[in-house]
């Protein structure tokens, strides 16, 4: 991935593997601390589960290469997880688009939509529907050129409510050749049948 594509690391820290509370040392239920360590959701605690990852849907294994290819992504560019990030409680995967102007990151974890909406580093939250599911489209605060866009879809992650986020990151070396929000929503709808509870 290019340096812009490597931005998936920062997004994972904040959205998927993150929702990190910058400068905060204590964790909140199901949300990682600034050290990158994720707290176990209250549901997992109640069930006595010690394996936070067990119920989390994994985009790298659950999105077939044929579906990835049909969605306009290159399966051979798949990148599992994010280097330097503790993925406890999260599963992350990324692919470069065949059109080469963006990278799609798919981030899966047990963070509910209301928690997601509370994040101050995102703005312009717009309720959308993805294959009958509640979802939020959002933009980065400070991204004046609107180069990136995400769609967080509500899913069931084991016994806990969670989200799978489809995040389009424009590659600086190519530039914006389409609308990131349109691409994020398109991918969310195309891959919805593979999400937990999908048909």
N, C-alpha and C. Protein backbone atom coordinates (compact mmCIF):
# COMPACT_ATOMS: atom_id res chain seq x y z
N UNK A 1 0.84 -1.19 0.00
CA UNK A 1 0.00 0.00 0.00
C UNK A 1 0.88 1.25 0.00
N UNK A 2 0.37 2.36 -0.56
CA UNK A 2 1.09 3.61 -0.54
C UNK A 2 0.99 4.22 0.84
N UNK A 3 1.67 5.38 1.02
CA UNK A 3 1.60 6.01 2.33
C UNK A 3 0.17 6.38 2.69
N UNK A 4 -0.60 6.78 1.69
CA UNK A 4 -2.02 7.07 1.95
C UNK A 4 -2.74 5.78 2.31
N UNK A 5 -2.41 4.71 1.60
CA UNK A 5 -3.02 3.41 1.90
C UNK A 5 -2.66 2.95 3.30
N UNK A 6 -1.46 3.30 3.74
CA UNK A 6 -1.04 2.92 5.09
C UNK A 6 -1.86 3.65 6.14
N UNK A 7 -2.66 4.61 5.73
CA UNK A 7 -3.52 5.32 6.66
C UNK A 7 -4.52 4.38 7.32
N UNK A 8 -4.68 3.19 6.72
CA UNK A 8 -5.54 2.19 7.34
C UNK A 8 -5.08 1.91 8.76
N UNK A 9 -3.78 2.03 9.03
CA UNK A 9 -3.29 1.82 10.39
C UNK A 9 -3.93 2.82 11.34
N UNK A 10 -3.92 4.09 10.96
CA UNK A 10 -4.52 5.11 11.82
C UNK A 10 -6.01 4.92 11.97
N UNK A 11 -6.67 4.54 10.89
CA UNK A 11 -8.10 4.32 10.94
C UNK A 11 -8.41 3.14 11.84
N UNK A 12 -7.60 2.10 11.74
CA UNK A 12 -7.82 0.94 12.60
C UNK A 12 -7.63 1.32 14.05
N UNK A 13 -6.66 2.18 14.32
CA UNK A 13 -6.45 2.60 15.70
C UNK A 13 -7.65 3.36 16.23
N UNK A 14 -8.28 4.15 15.37
CA UNK A 14 -9.35 5.01 15.84
C UNK A 14 -10.73 4.42 15.63
N UNK A 15 -10.97 3.81 14.47
CA UNK A 15 -12.31 3.29 14.18
C UNK A 15 -12.42 1.86 14.60
N UNK A 16 -11.69 1.01 13.92
CA UNK A 16 -11.93 -0.40 14.08
C UNK A 16 -11.21 -0.97 15.25
N UNK A 17 -9.90 -1.03 15.16
CA UNK A 17 -9.15 -1.59 16.26
C UNK A 17 -9.02 -0.53 17.32
N UNK A 18 -9.45 0.67 16.99
CA UNK A 18 -9.27 1.74 17.92
C UNK A 18 -10.51 2.19 18.59
N UNK A 19 -11.20 3.11 18.01
CA UNK A 19 -12.12 3.94 18.75
C UNK A 19 -11.37 4.34 20.01
N UNK A 20 -10.07 4.68 19.78
CA UNK A 20 -9.17 4.96 20.89
C UNK A 20 -9.51 6.31 21.49
N UNK A 21 -9.54 6.36 22.79
CA UNK A 21 -9.77 7.61 23.48
C UNK A 21 -8.41 8.25 23.72
N UNK A 22 -8.06 9.20 22.87
CA UNK A 22 -6.72 9.80 22.91
C UNK A 22 -6.45 10.40 24.28
N UNK A 23 -5.31 10.01 24.84
CA UNK A 23 -4.89 10.53 26.12
C UNK A 23 -5.63 9.95 27.31
N UNK A 24 -6.49 8.99 27.07
CA UNK A 24 -7.27 8.41 28.17
C UNK A 24 -6.67 7.09 28.58
N UNK A 25 -6.43 6.91 29.85
CA UNK A 25 -5.79 5.69 30.32
C UNK A 25 -6.75 4.59 30.70
N UNK A 26 -8.01 4.92 30.98
CA UNK A 26 -8.93 3.87 31.38
C UNK A 26 -9.78 3.46 30.19
N UNK A 27 -10.14 2.18 30.16
CA UNK A 27 -10.97 1.71 29.06
C UNK A 27 -12.43 1.84 29.42
N UNK A 28 -13.26 1.95 28.37
CA UNK A 28 -14.69 1.91 28.57
C UNK A 28 -15.16 0.58 28.01
N UNK A 29 -16.33 0.19 28.39
CA UNK A 29 -16.82 -1.14 28.04
C UNK A 29 -16.77 -1.39 26.55
N UNK A 30 -15.91 -2.32 26.12
CA UNK A 30 -15.82 -2.70 24.72
C UNK A 30 -15.00 -1.76 23.87
N UNK A 31 -14.41 -0.71 24.45
CA UNK A 31 -13.63 0.26 23.68
C UNK A 31 -12.19 0.21 24.15
N UNK A 32 -11.22 0.13 23.22
CA UNK A 32 -9.82 0.05 23.63
C UNK A 32 -9.35 1.29 24.35
N UNK A 33 -8.33 1.15 25.16
CA UNK A 33 -7.68 2.28 25.80
C UNK A 33 -6.65 2.85 24.84
N UNK A 34 -6.02 3.96 25.24
CA UNK A 34 -5.04 4.58 24.37
C UNK A 34 -3.83 3.69 24.15
N UNK A 35 -3.62 2.72 24.99
CA UNK A 35 -2.49 1.81 24.80
C UNK A 35 -2.79 0.79 23.72
N UNK A 36 -4.03 0.80 23.21
CA UNK A 36 -4.41 -0.16 22.17
C UNK A 36 -5.02 -1.42 22.74
N UNK A 37 -5.02 -1.57 24.07
CA UNK A 37 -5.61 -2.75 24.68
C UNK A 37 -7.11 -2.58 24.74
N UNK A 38 -7.84 -3.57 24.30
CA UNK A 38 -9.30 -3.49 24.28
C UNK A 38 -9.89 -4.14 25.51
N UNK A 39 -10.90 -3.48 26.07
CA UNK A 39 -11.59 -4.11 27.18
C UNK A 39 -12.57 -5.13 26.63
N UNK A 40 -12.88 -6.13 27.42
CA UNK A 40 -13.83 -7.15 27.03
C UNK A 40 -15.23 -6.60 27.23
N UNK A 41 -16.12 -6.83 26.28
CA UNK A 41 -17.47 -6.31 26.39
C UNK A 41 -18.16 -6.91 27.61
N UNK A 42 -19.17 -6.19 28.11
CA UNK A 42 -19.89 -6.68 29.29
C UNK A 42 -20.57 -8.00 28.99
N UNK A 43 -21.01 -8.19 27.74
CA UNK A 43 -21.63 -9.45 27.36
C UNK A 43 -20.64 -10.60 27.50
N UNK A 44 -19.41 -10.36 27.02
CA UNK A 44 -18.39 -11.40 27.11
C UNK A 44 -18.06 -11.69 28.57
N UNK A 45 -18.02 -10.62 29.38
CA UNK A 45 -17.74 -10.82 30.80
C UNK A 45 -18.82 -11.66 31.46
N UNK A 46 -20.10 -11.33 31.14
CA UNK A 46 -21.21 -12.06 31.74
C UNK A 46 -21.20 -13.52 31.33
N UNK A 47 -20.80 -13.79 30.09
CA UNK A 47 -20.82 -15.17 29.62
C UNK A 47 -19.60 -15.95 30.08
N UNK A 48 -18.63 -15.22 30.67
CA UNK A 48 -17.43 -15.88 31.16
C UNK A 48 -16.42 -16.14 30.06
N UNK A 49 -16.64 -15.56 28.88
CA UNK A 49 -15.72 -15.78 27.76
C UNK A 49 -14.39 -15.08 28.03
N UNK A 50 -13.30 -15.80 27.79
CA UNK A 50 -11.97 -15.19 27.90
C UNK A 50 -11.38 -14.95 26.52
N UNK A 51 -12.04 -15.41 25.48
CA UNK A 51 -11.55 -15.22 24.12
C UNK A 51 -12.37 -14.14 23.44
N UNK A 52 -11.88 -12.89 23.52
CA UNK A 52 -12.59 -11.75 22.97
C UNK A 52 -12.81 -11.90 21.47
N UNK A 53 -11.83 -12.50 20.79
CA UNK A 53 -11.90 -12.59 19.34
C UNK A 53 -12.84 -13.67 18.81
N UNK A 54 -13.22 -14.60 19.64
CA UNK A 54 -13.93 -15.79 19.16
C UNK A 54 -15.18 -15.47 18.36
N UNK A 55 -15.96 -14.51 18.79
CA UNK A 55 -17.24 -14.24 18.13
C UNK A 55 -17.17 -13.13 17.09
N UNK A 56 -16.00 -12.53 16.91
CA UNK A 56 -15.88 -11.42 15.98
C UNK A 56 -15.78 -11.92 14.54
N UNK A 57 -16.62 -11.41 13.69
CA UNK A 57 -16.64 -11.76 12.27
C UNK A 57 -15.34 -11.29 11.63
N UNK A 58 -14.70 -12.16 10.84
CA UNK A 58 -13.39 -11.87 10.25
C UNK A 58 -13.52 -11.61 8.75
N UNK A 59 -13.33 -10.36 8.30
CA UNK A 59 -13.48 -10.07 6.88
C UNK A 59 -12.47 -10.79 6.00
N UNK A 60 -11.28 -11.06 6.53
CA UNK A 60 -10.26 -11.73 5.71
C UNK A 60 -10.64 -13.17 5.38
N UNK A 61 -11.37 -13.82 6.25
CA UNK A 61 -11.74 -15.21 6.00
C UNK A 61 -13.18 -15.37 5.52
N UNK A 62 -14.03 -14.38 5.79
CA UNK A 62 -15.44 -14.50 5.46
C UNK A 62 -15.85 -13.83 4.15
N UNK A 63 -14.97 -13.02 3.57
CA UNK A 63 -15.25 -12.44 2.26
C UNK A 63 -14.46 -13.24 1.22
N UNK A 64 -15.16 -14.06 0.42
CA UNK A 64 -14.46 -14.90 -0.56
C UNK A 64 -13.77 -14.07 -1.64
N UNK A 65 -12.66 -14.60 -2.15
CA UNK A 65 -11.92 -13.91 -3.20
C UNK A 65 -12.79 -13.59 -4.40
N UNK A 66 -13.69 -14.50 -4.77
CA UNK A 66 -14.56 -14.25 -5.93
C UNK A 66 -15.45 -13.03 -5.68
N UNK A 67 -15.96 -12.90 -4.46
CA UNK A 67 -16.81 -11.75 -4.13
C UNK A 67 -15.99 -10.47 -4.09
N UNK A 68 -14.78 -10.56 -3.55
CA UNK A 68 -13.87 -9.41 -3.50
C UNK A 68 -13.57 -8.94 -4.92
N UNK A 69 -13.25 -9.87 -5.79
CA UNK A 69 -12.95 -9.56 -7.19
C UNK A 69 -14.17 -8.95 -7.89
N UNK A 70 -15.33 -9.55 -7.67
CA UNK A 70 -16.57 -9.04 -8.29
C UNK A 70 -16.90 -7.64 -7.79
N UNK A 71 -16.44 -7.30 -6.59
CA UNK A 71 -16.66 -5.97 -6.03
C UNK A 71 -15.68 -4.93 -6.52
N UNK A 72 -14.77 -5.33 -7.42
CA UNK A 72 -13.81 -4.37 -7.97
C UNK A 72 -12.57 -4.18 -7.13
N UNK A 73 -12.25 -5.20 -6.31
CA UNK A 73 -11.05 -5.16 -5.48
C UNK A 73 -10.09 -6.25 -5.94
N UNK A 74 -8.82 -6.10 -5.61
CA UNK A 74 -7.80 -7.07 -6.00
C UNK A 74 -7.50 -8.00 -4.84
N UNK A 75 -7.93 -9.28 -4.92
CA UNK A 75 -7.71 -10.22 -3.81
C UNK A 75 -6.24 -10.38 -3.44
N UNK A 76 -5.33 -10.25 -4.41
CA UNK A 76 -3.90 -10.44 -4.12
C UNK A 76 -3.30 -9.29 -3.33
N UNK A 77 -4.04 -8.20 -3.14
CA UNK A 77 -3.53 -7.08 -2.33
C UNK A 77 -4.04 -7.15 -0.89
N UNK A 78 -4.72 -8.24 -0.56
CA UNK A 78 -5.30 -8.37 0.79
C UNK A 78 -4.23 -8.20 1.86
N UNK A 79 -4.56 -7.41 2.88
CA UNK A 79 -3.67 -7.18 4.01
C UNK A 79 -4.45 -7.47 5.28
N UNK A 80 -4.04 -8.50 6.01
CA UNK A 80 -4.76 -8.91 7.23
C UNK A 80 -4.24 -8.14 8.43
N UNK A 81 -5.19 -7.64 9.21
CA UNK A 81 -4.85 -6.87 10.41
C UNK A 81 -4.01 -5.66 10.03
N UNK A 82 -3.44 -5.02 10.99
CA UNK A 82 -2.67 -3.81 10.76
C UNK A 82 -1.42 -3.88 11.60
N UNK A 83 -0.29 -3.74 10.96
CA UNK A 83 1.00 -3.83 11.64
C UNK A 83 1.09 -2.81 12.77
N UNK A 84 1.57 -3.27 13.91
CA UNK A 84 1.78 -2.38 15.04
C UNK A 84 0.54 -2.09 15.87
N UNK A 85 -0.56 -2.76 15.58
CA UNK A 85 -1.80 -2.54 16.31
C UNK A 85 -2.19 -3.80 17.04
N UNK A 86 -2.57 -3.67 18.29
CA UNK A 86 -3.11 -4.81 19.04
C UNK A 86 -4.55 -5.01 18.59
N UNK A 87 -4.84 -6.11 17.88
CA UNK A 87 -6.17 -6.29 17.34
C UNK A 87 -7.14 -7.00 18.28
N UNK A 88 -6.82 -7.10 19.56
CA UNK A 88 -7.70 -7.82 20.48
C UNK A 88 -9.12 -7.27 20.39
N UNK A 89 -10.05 -8.15 20.10
CA UNK A 89 -11.44 -7.75 20.00
C UNK A 89 -11.84 -7.19 18.65
N UNK A 90 -10.90 -7.16 17.71
CA UNK A 90 -11.16 -6.59 16.38
C UNK A 90 -10.54 -7.47 15.31
N UNK A 91 -11.15 -7.48 14.14
CA UNK A 91 -10.58 -8.14 12.98
C UNK A 91 -10.60 -7.14 11.83
N UNK A 92 -9.47 -7.04 11.15
CA UNK A 92 -9.27 -6.00 10.15
C UNK A 92 -8.73 -6.61 8.87
N UNK A 93 -9.18 -6.13 7.73
CA UNK A 93 -8.65 -6.58 6.45
C UNK A 93 -8.74 -5.43 5.46
N UNK A 94 -7.83 -5.40 4.49
CA UNK A 94 -7.85 -4.34 3.49
C UNK A 94 -7.50 -4.86 2.11
N UNK A 95 -8.04 -4.21 1.09
CA UNK A 95 -7.76 -4.54 -0.31
C UNK A 95 -7.65 -3.24 -1.11
N UNK A 96 -6.82 -3.26 -2.13
CA UNK A 96 -6.74 -2.15 -3.07
C UNK A 96 -7.78 -2.36 -4.15
N UNK A 97 -8.41 -1.28 -4.58
CA UNK A 97 -9.39 -1.39 -5.66
C UNK A 97 -8.68 -1.71 -6.97
N UNK A 98 -9.37 -2.42 -7.84
CA UNK A 98 -8.82 -2.72 -9.16
C UNK A 98 -8.61 -1.43 -9.95
N UNK A 99 -9.41 -0.42 -9.67
CA UNK A 99 -9.26 0.89 -10.32
C UNK A 99 -8.03 1.63 -9.79
N UNK A 100 -7.46 1.14 -8.69
CA UNK A 100 -6.19 1.59 -8.11
C UNK A 100 -6.22 2.96 -7.43
N UNK A 101 -7.40 3.62 -7.38
CA UNK A 101 -7.40 4.95 -6.77
C UNK A 101 -7.74 4.95 -5.29
N UNK A 102 -8.17 3.81 -4.76
CA UNK A 102 -8.47 3.75 -3.33
C UNK A 102 -8.18 2.37 -2.77
N UNK A 103 -8.11 2.34 -1.44
CA UNK A 103 -8.00 1.11 -0.68
C UNK A 103 -9.26 0.99 0.17
N UNK A 104 -9.79 -0.23 0.26
CA UNK A 104 -10.94 -0.48 1.14
C UNK A 104 -10.45 -1.20 2.38
N UNK A 105 -10.72 -0.63 3.53
CA UNK A 105 -10.47 -1.30 4.80
C UNK A 105 -11.80 -1.78 5.37
N UNK A 106 -11.83 -3.02 5.86
CA UNK A 106 -13.03 -3.56 6.51
C UNK A 106 -12.63 -3.90 7.94
N UNK A 107 -13.31 -3.26 8.90
CA UNK A 107 -12.94 -3.35 10.31
C UNK A 107 -14.13 -3.86 11.10
N UNK A 108 -13.94 -4.94 11.83
CA UNK A 108 -15.04 -5.63 12.48
C UNK A 108 -14.80 -5.73 13.99
N UNK A 109 -15.78 -5.29 14.78
CA UNK A 109 -15.61 -5.36 16.22
C UNK A 109 -16.92 -5.19 16.96
N UNK A 110 -16.86 -5.35 18.26
CA UNK A 110 -18.06 -5.29 19.11
C UNK A 110 -18.26 -3.90 19.68
N UNK A 111 -18.35 -2.90 18.80
CA UNK A 111 -18.65 -1.53 19.19
C UNK A 111 -19.97 -1.15 18.53
N UNK A 112 -20.96 -0.84 19.32
CA UNK A 112 -22.30 -0.54 18.81
C UNK A 112 -22.33 0.81 18.09
N UNK A 113 -23.37 1.01 17.27
CA UNK A 113 -23.47 2.25 16.49
C UNK A 113 -23.53 3.49 17.36
N UNK A 114 -24.18 3.41 18.52
CA UNK A 114 -24.26 4.60 19.36
C UNK A 114 -22.89 4.98 19.91
N UNK A 115 -22.04 3.99 20.20
CA UNK A 115 -20.67 4.27 20.62
C UNK A 115 -19.90 4.89 19.46
N UNK A 116 -20.12 4.35 18.28
CA UNK A 116 -19.43 4.84 17.09
C UNK A 116 -19.78 6.30 16.83
N UNK A 117 -21.05 6.62 16.94
CA UNK A 117 -21.52 7.99 16.67
C UNK A 117 -20.93 9.01 17.65
N UNK A 118 -20.53 8.54 18.82
CA UNK A 118 -20.00 9.45 19.84
C UNK A 118 -18.55 9.86 19.60
N UNK A 119 -17.87 9.27 18.61
CA UNK A 119 -16.47 9.58 18.40
C UNK A 119 -16.27 10.99 17.85
N UNK A 120 -15.45 11.83 18.50
CA UNK A 120 -15.27 13.22 18.08
C UNK A 120 -14.42 13.39 16.82
N UNK A 121 -13.69 12.36 16.42
CA UNK A 121 -12.84 12.51 15.24
C UNK A 121 -13.58 12.27 13.92
N UNK A 122 -14.88 11.99 14.03
CA UNK A 122 -15.71 11.81 12.85
C UNK A 122 -16.86 12.80 12.86
N UNK A 123 -17.39 13.09 11.69
CA UNK A 123 -18.46 14.07 11.57
C UNK A 123 -19.38 13.68 10.43
N UNK A 124 -20.40 14.49 10.23
CA UNK A 124 -21.35 14.31 9.14
C UNK A 124 -21.95 12.90 9.16
N UNK A 125 -22.30 12.44 10.37
CA UNK A 125 -22.93 11.13 10.49
C UNK A 125 -24.29 11.16 9.80
N UNK A 126 -24.49 10.25 8.89
CA UNK A 126 -25.75 10.18 8.14
C UNK A 126 -26.31 8.77 8.27
N UNK A 127 -27.50 8.62 8.84
CA UNK A 127 -28.09 7.29 8.91
C UNK A 127 -28.39 6.77 7.50
N UNK A 128 -27.99 5.55 7.24
CA UNK A 128 -28.28 4.88 5.97
C UNK A 128 -28.73 3.46 6.29
N UNK A 129 -29.24 2.77 5.29
CA UNK A 129 -29.63 1.39 5.46
C UNK A 129 -28.80 0.54 4.51
N UNK A 130 -28.26 -0.55 5.02
CA UNK A 130 -27.46 -1.48 4.22
C UNK A 130 -28.15 -2.84 4.30
N UNK A 131 -28.76 -3.24 3.20
CA UNK A 131 -29.46 -4.53 3.15
C UNK A 131 -30.39 -4.72 4.35
N UNK A 132 -31.15 -3.69 4.67
CA UNK A 132 -32.11 -3.75 5.77
C UNK A 132 -31.52 -3.53 7.14
N UNK A 133 -30.22 -3.29 7.25
CA UNK A 133 -29.56 -3.08 8.54
C UNK A 133 -29.34 -1.59 8.80
N UNK A 134 -29.37 -1.21 10.06
CA UNK A 134 -29.02 0.16 10.43
C UNK A 134 -27.54 0.39 10.19
N UNK A 135 -27.20 1.57 9.69
CA UNK A 135 -25.81 1.89 9.40
C UNK A 135 -25.62 3.40 9.48
N UNK A 136 -24.36 3.82 9.58
CA UNK A 136 -24.00 5.23 9.60
C UNK A 136 -22.92 5.49 8.56
N UNK A 137 -23.15 6.49 7.73
CA UNK A 137 -22.07 6.98 6.87
C UNK A 137 -21.40 8.12 7.62
N UNK A 138 -20.08 8.24 7.51
CA UNK A 138 -19.37 9.27 8.27
C UNK A 138 -18.14 9.74 7.51
N UNK A 139 -17.65 10.91 7.91
CA UNK A 139 -16.45 11.51 7.32
C UNK A 139 -15.46 11.82 8.43
N UNK A 140 -14.21 11.99 8.05
CA UNK A 140 -13.17 12.39 9.01
C UNK A 140 -13.26 13.89 9.27
N UNK A 141 -13.15 14.29 10.53
CA UNK A 141 -13.01 15.70 10.86
C UNK A 141 -11.69 16.18 10.26
N UNK A 142 -11.71 17.32 9.59
CA UNK A 142 -10.49 17.88 9.02
C UNK A 142 -10.18 17.39 7.61
N UNK A 143 -10.95 16.46 7.09
CA UNK A 143 -10.74 15.98 5.72
C UNK A 143 -11.54 16.88 4.78
N UNK A 144 -11.03 18.10 4.58
CA UNK A 144 -11.77 19.10 3.81
C UNK A 144 -11.99 18.70 2.36
N UNK A 145 -11.09 17.90 1.82
CA UNK A 145 -11.22 17.47 0.42
C UNK A 145 -12.09 16.23 0.28
N UNK A 146 -12.55 15.71 1.42
CA UNK A 146 -13.44 14.53 1.43
C UNK A 146 -12.84 13.38 0.62
N UNK A 147 -11.59 13.04 0.99
CA UNK A 147 -10.87 11.98 0.30
C UNK A 147 -11.24 10.60 0.82
N UNK A 148 -11.75 10.53 2.03
CA UNK A 148 -12.05 9.24 2.66
C UNK A 148 -13.49 9.25 3.17
N UNK A 149 -14.06 8.07 3.30
CA UNK A 149 -15.43 7.97 3.79
C UNK A 149 -15.67 6.56 4.31
N UNK A 150 -16.49 6.45 5.35
CA UNK A 150 -16.78 5.14 5.91
C UNK A 150 -18.26 4.91 6.10
N UNK A 151 -18.63 3.63 6.10
CA UNK A 151 -19.99 3.21 6.42
C UNK A 151 -19.88 2.13 7.49
N UNK A 152 -20.43 2.41 8.67
CA UNK A 152 -20.44 1.44 9.78
C UNK A 152 -21.79 0.76 9.81
N UNK A 153 -21.80 -0.56 9.68
CA UNK A 153 -23.03 -1.35 9.62
C UNK A 153 -23.22 -2.10 10.93
N UNK A 154 -24.42 -2.01 11.48
CA UNK A 154 -24.70 -2.72 12.72
C UNK A 154 -24.84 -4.22 12.46
N UNK A 155 -24.15 -5.02 13.26
CA UNK A 155 -24.21 -6.48 13.15
C UNK A 155 -24.23 -7.07 14.55
N UNK A 156 -24.54 -8.33 14.63
CA UNK A 156 -24.43 -9.06 15.89
C UNK A 156 -23.07 -9.75 15.91
N UNK A 157 -22.26 -9.45 16.91
CA UNK A 157 -20.95 -10.07 17.06
C UNK A 157 -21.06 -11.04 18.24
N UNK A 158 -21.42 -12.28 17.96
CA UNK A 158 -21.68 -13.22 19.04
C UNK A 158 -22.93 -12.77 19.78
N UNK A 159 -22.82 -12.54 21.09
CA UNK A 159 -23.95 -12.09 21.89
C UNK A 159 -24.00 -10.57 22.03
N UNK A 160 -23.01 -9.89 21.47
CA UNK A 160 -22.94 -8.43 21.61
C UNK A 160 -23.29 -7.73 20.30
N UNK A 161 -23.84 -6.52 20.43
CA UNK A 161 -24.03 -5.69 19.24
C UNK A 161 -22.69 -5.15 18.82
N UNK A 162 -22.48 -5.09 17.52
CA UNK A 162 -21.22 -4.58 17.02
C UNK A 162 -21.41 -3.91 15.68
N UNK A 163 -20.28 -3.62 15.04
CA UNK A 163 -20.30 -3.00 13.72
C UNK A 163 -19.25 -3.64 12.83
N UNK A 164 -19.51 -3.56 11.54
CA UNK A 164 -18.49 -3.81 10.52
C UNK A 164 -18.42 -2.53 9.71
N UNK A 165 -17.24 -1.95 9.63
CA UNK A 165 -17.05 -0.68 8.95
C UNK A 165 -16.35 -0.90 7.62
N UNK A 166 -16.90 -0.29 6.58
CA UNK A 166 -16.30 -0.30 5.23
C UNK A 166 -15.74 1.09 5.00
N UNK A 167 -14.41 1.18 4.91
CA UNK A 167 -13.75 2.50 4.89
C UNK A 167 -12.94 2.65 3.62
N UNK A 168 -13.29 3.64 2.81
CA UNK A 168 -12.59 3.92 1.56
C UNK A 168 -11.57 5.02 1.79
N UNK A 169 -10.32 4.73 1.43
CA UNK A 169 -9.21 5.65 1.61
C UNK A 169 -8.63 5.97 0.23
N UNK A 170 -8.74 7.23 -0.20
CA UNK A 170 -8.19 7.64 -1.49
C UNK A 170 -6.67 7.58 -1.46
N UNK A 171 -6.08 7.01 -2.49
CA UNK A 171 -4.62 6.92 -2.59
C UNK A 171 -4.07 8.22 -3.16
N UNK A 172 -3.18 8.88 -2.42
CA UNK A 172 -2.64 10.17 -2.81
C UNK A 172 -1.89 10.09 -4.14
N UNK A 173 -1.27 8.95 -4.41
CA UNK A 173 -0.47 8.82 -5.64
C UNK A 173 -1.34 8.79 -6.89
N UNK A 174 -2.62 8.54 -6.73
CA UNK A 174 -3.54 8.48 -7.87
C UNK A 174 -4.53 9.63 -7.83
N UNK A 175 -5.06 9.92 -6.68
CA UNK A 175 -6.06 10.98 -6.53
C UNK A 175 -7.47 10.43 -6.59
N UNK A 176 -8.41 11.28 -6.25
CA UNK A 176 -9.82 10.90 -6.15
C UNK A 176 -10.42 10.82 -7.55
N UNK A 177 -10.76 9.60 -7.95
CA UNK A 177 -11.33 9.37 -9.27
C UNK A 177 -12.80 8.95 -9.18
N UNK A 178 -13.37 9.11 -8.02
CA UNK A 178 -14.76 8.76 -7.80
C UNK A 178 -15.19 9.35 -6.48
N UNK A 179 -16.35 8.93 -6.00
CA UNK A 179 -16.87 9.43 -4.73
C UNK A 179 -16.67 8.38 -3.64
N UNK A 180 -15.76 8.64 -2.68
CA UNK A 180 -15.48 7.65 -1.64
C UNK A 180 -16.72 7.15 -0.90
N UNK A 181 -17.67 8.06 -0.60
CA UNK A 181 -18.87 7.62 0.14
C UNK A 181 -19.72 6.67 -0.71
N UNK A 182 -19.80 6.92 -2.00
CA UNK A 182 -20.54 6.02 -2.89
C UNK A 182 -19.90 4.65 -2.92
N UNK A 183 -18.56 4.62 -2.97
CA UNK A 183 -17.84 3.34 -3.01
C UNK A 183 -18.00 2.59 -1.69
N UNK A 184 -17.90 3.31 -0.57
CA UNK A 184 -18.04 2.65 0.74
C UNK A 184 -19.43 2.03 0.88
N UNK A 185 -20.46 2.77 0.48
CA UNK A 185 -21.83 2.25 0.58
C UNK A 185 -22.06 1.09 -0.39
N UNK A 186 -21.48 1.20 -1.59
CA UNK A 186 -21.60 0.11 -2.56
C UNK A 186 -20.99 -1.17 -2.02
N UNK A 187 -19.77 -1.07 -1.47
CA UNK A 187 -19.11 -2.26 -0.92
C UNK A 187 -19.91 -2.83 0.26
N UNK A 188 -20.42 -1.96 1.11
CA UNK A 188 -21.21 -2.43 2.25
C UNK A 188 -22.41 -3.23 1.77
N UNK A 189 -23.10 -2.74 0.76
CA UNK A 189 -24.27 -3.45 0.23
C UNK A 189 -23.88 -4.74 -0.49
N UNK A 190 -22.80 -4.71 -1.25
CA UNK A 190 -22.37 -5.90 -1.97
C UNK A 190 -21.95 -7.03 -1.03
N UNK A 191 -21.31 -6.66 0.07
CA UNK A 191 -20.78 -7.67 0.99
C UNK A 191 -21.73 -7.98 2.14
N UNK A 192 -22.90 -7.32 2.18
CA UNK A 192 -23.81 -7.48 3.31
C UNK A 192 -24.23 -8.94 3.50
N UNK A 193 -24.37 -9.69 2.42
CA UNK A 193 -24.83 -11.08 2.56
C UNK A 193 -23.82 -11.97 3.28
N UNK A 194 -22.57 -11.50 3.39
CA UNK A 194 -21.54 -12.26 4.08
C UNK A 194 -21.41 -11.86 5.55
N UNK A 195 -22.08 -10.79 5.95
CA UNK A 195 -22.01 -10.33 7.34
C UNK A 195 -22.79 -11.26 8.27
N UNK A 196 -22.50 -11.21 9.56
CA UNK A 196 -23.26 -12.04 10.50
C UNK A 196 -24.76 -11.80 10.35
N UNK A 197 -25.51 -12.88 10.21
CA UNK A 197 -26.95 -12.77 10.04
C UNK A 197 -27.39 -12.49 8.62
N UNK A 198 -26.41 -12.45 7.68
CA UNK A 198 -26.74 -12.18 6.27
C UNK A 198 -27.34 -13.39 5.60
N UNK A 199 -27.92 -13.18 4.43
CA UNK A 199 -28.54 -14.27 3.68
C UNK A 199 -27.72 -14.59 2.43
